[in-house]
Protein backbone atom coordinates (compact mmCIF):
# COMPACT_ATOMS: atom_id res chain seq x y z
CA MET A 1 -25.91 146.42 48.14
CA ARG A 2 -26.66 149.93 49.21
CA ILE A 3 -28.76 149.83 51.85
CA ASN A 4 -26.38 147.12 53.96
CA GLY A 5 -23.82 149.98 53.14
CA VAL A 6 -25.75 152.71 54.43
CA LYS A 7 -26.44 150.88 57.18
CA LYS A 8 -23.15 150.15 58.57
CA ALA A 9 -22.50 153.61 58.04
CA LEU A 10 -25.54 154.69 60.48
CA ALA A 11 -24.58 152.57 62.97
CA GLY A 12 -20.70 153.86 62.44
CA PHE A 13 -22.75 157.27 63.63
CA ALA A 14 -24.10 155.35 66.21
CA VAL A 15 -21.76 154.25 67.12
CA ALA A 16 -19.71 157.03 67.83
CA ALA A 17 -22.49 158.93 68.77
CA ALA A 18 -22.53 157.07 71.59
CA THR A 19 -18.81 157.37 72.46
CA VAL A 20 -18.90 161.44 72.44
CA GLY A 21 -21.88 161.05 74.69
CA ALA A 22 -20.37 159.19 77.10
CA VAL A 23 -17.00 161.61 77.02
CA ALA A 24 -18.67 164.04 77.48
CA ALA A 25 -20.62 163.06 80.59
CA THR A 26 -17.37 161.37 82.37
CA THR A 27 -16.24 164.97 81.65
CA GLY A 28 -18.89 167.20 83.19
CA SER A 29 -18.51 168.48 79.57
CA ALA A 30 -22.01 167.33 77.81
CA GLN A 31 -25.42 170.05 79.35
CA ALA A 32 -28.88 169.25 79.41
CA SER A 33 -30.64 172.95 77.43
CA ALA A 34 -34.30 173.25 75.86
CA PRO A 35 -35.12 172.92 71.88
CA GLY A 36 -33.49 176.06 70.62
CA ALA A 37 -31.48 177.18 74.51
CA LYS A 38 -27.65 178.70 73.97
CA ALA A 39 -25.20 177.00 75.34
CA VAL A 40 -23.31 178.79 78.37
CA PRO A 41 -19.47 178.17 79.01
CA ALA A 42 -18.15 176.48 82.49
CA ALA A 43 -17.10 179.76 83.16
CA ALA A 44 -19.42 182.21 82.12
CA GLN A 45 -22.09 179.95 84.14
CA GLU A 46 -19.55 180.13 87.50
CA ALA A 47 -19.45 183.52 87.87
CA GLN A 48 -23.76 183.51 86.76
CA ALA A 49 -23.99 181.76 90.55
CA ARG A 50 -21.26 183.57 92.41
CA VAL A 51 -22.25 186.58 95.06
CA CYS A 52 -20.02 189.22 95.07
CA THR A 53 -19.75 191.23 98.82
CA VAL A 54 -17.81 194.98 98.53
CA ASN A 55 -15.36 195.13 100.92
CA ASP A 56 -15.18 199.20 101.43
CA ASN A 57 -16.92 201.85 101.41
CA GLY A 58 -17.33 204.67 99.18
CA VAL A 59 -17.22 201.98 96.14
CA ASN A 60 -17.07 203.64 92.37
CA PHE A 61 -18.74 201.61 90.25
CA ARG A 62 -18.15 202.37 86.58
CA GLY A 63 -20.13 202.11 82.99
CA GLY A 64 -17.05 199.52 82.20
CA PRO A 65 -13.51 197.98 83.12
CA GLY A 66 -11.32 201.03 83.93
CA PRO A 67 -10.75 203.92 85.17
CA GLU A 68 -11.26 205.95 81.65
CA TYR A 69 -14.79 204.48 81.92
CA PRO A 70 -17.25 207.57 83.77
CA VAL A 71 -18.27 206.69 87.34
CA LEU A 72 -22.01 205.69 87.95
CA GLY A 73 -21.91 205.58 92.01
CA GLN A 74 -20.61 204.01 94.80
CA VAL A 75 -21.74 201.36 96.91
CA ASN A 76 -20.60 200.59 100.40
CA ARG A 77 -19.56 197.84 102.55
CA GLY A 78 -22.39 194.44 102.21
CA GLN A 79 -23.62 195.64 99.20
CA LYS A 80 -24.48 192.05 96.76
CA MET A 81 -23.84 192.08 93.75
CA ASP A 82 -24.66 188.81 90.73
CA ALA A 83 -20.71 188.81 89.09
CA ILE A 84 -22.41 188.09 85.42
CA GLY A 85 -18.13 188.61 83.66
CA VAL A 86 -14.93 189.03 84.46
CA GLN A 87 -12.25 191.22 82.80
CA GLY A 88 -8.79 191.49 83.51
CA VAL A 89 -9.72 192.65 87.43
CA TRP A 90 -13.27 194.14 87.30
CA VAL A 91 -15.98 192.73 87.49
CA HIS A 92 -19.02 192.43 85.55
CA GLY A 93 -22.08 192.75 88.01
CA ASN A 94 -25.64 192.79 89.47
CA LEU A 95 -26.10 195.70 92.44
CA HIS A 96 -29.17 193.22 94.71
CA GLY A 97 -31.56 196.36 95.05
CA GLY A 98 -29.77 198.34 92.65
CA HIS A 99 -28.20 199.19 89.61
CA THR A 100 -27.25 196.92 86.65
CA GLY A 101 -24.50 195.84 84.27
CA VAL A 102 -21.48 198.03 86.51
CA TRP A 103 -18.05 196.97 86.76
CA ILE A 104 -16.09 196.75 90.06
CA HIS A 105 -12.73 195.94 90.52
CA THR A 106 -11.36 193.99 92.39
CA ALA A 107 -9.76 195.22 94.87
CA TYR A 108 -12.60 196.15 96.40
CA LEU A 109 -15.38 192.57 96.41
CA ASP A 110 -15.27 189.29 98.31
CA ASN A 111 -15.79 185.85 96.95
CA CYS A 112 -15.87 187.30 93.97
């Protein structure tokens, strides 16, 4: 009798797992990944895929998300940056051919 109960419980888990899988597949919330890989939230994936363009000359890039952080340098119109995150009105990213982990105010970025 105990074996039949275990079989029924396992069958119930299989149905529940299939249902969750079906819901995840239709809502897009499931992600395929390699074993041991960490899941990346959808919002973070979108930021990683975004390339922003500086829209003015002499734009400061900073060491953090705010005017109280040190200015690390300046970039000019047309400079590309891979956005890796956003905090408020500041975009965190890596400049093409330059500094990484910098912050630029959204007012100075297009397509971001």
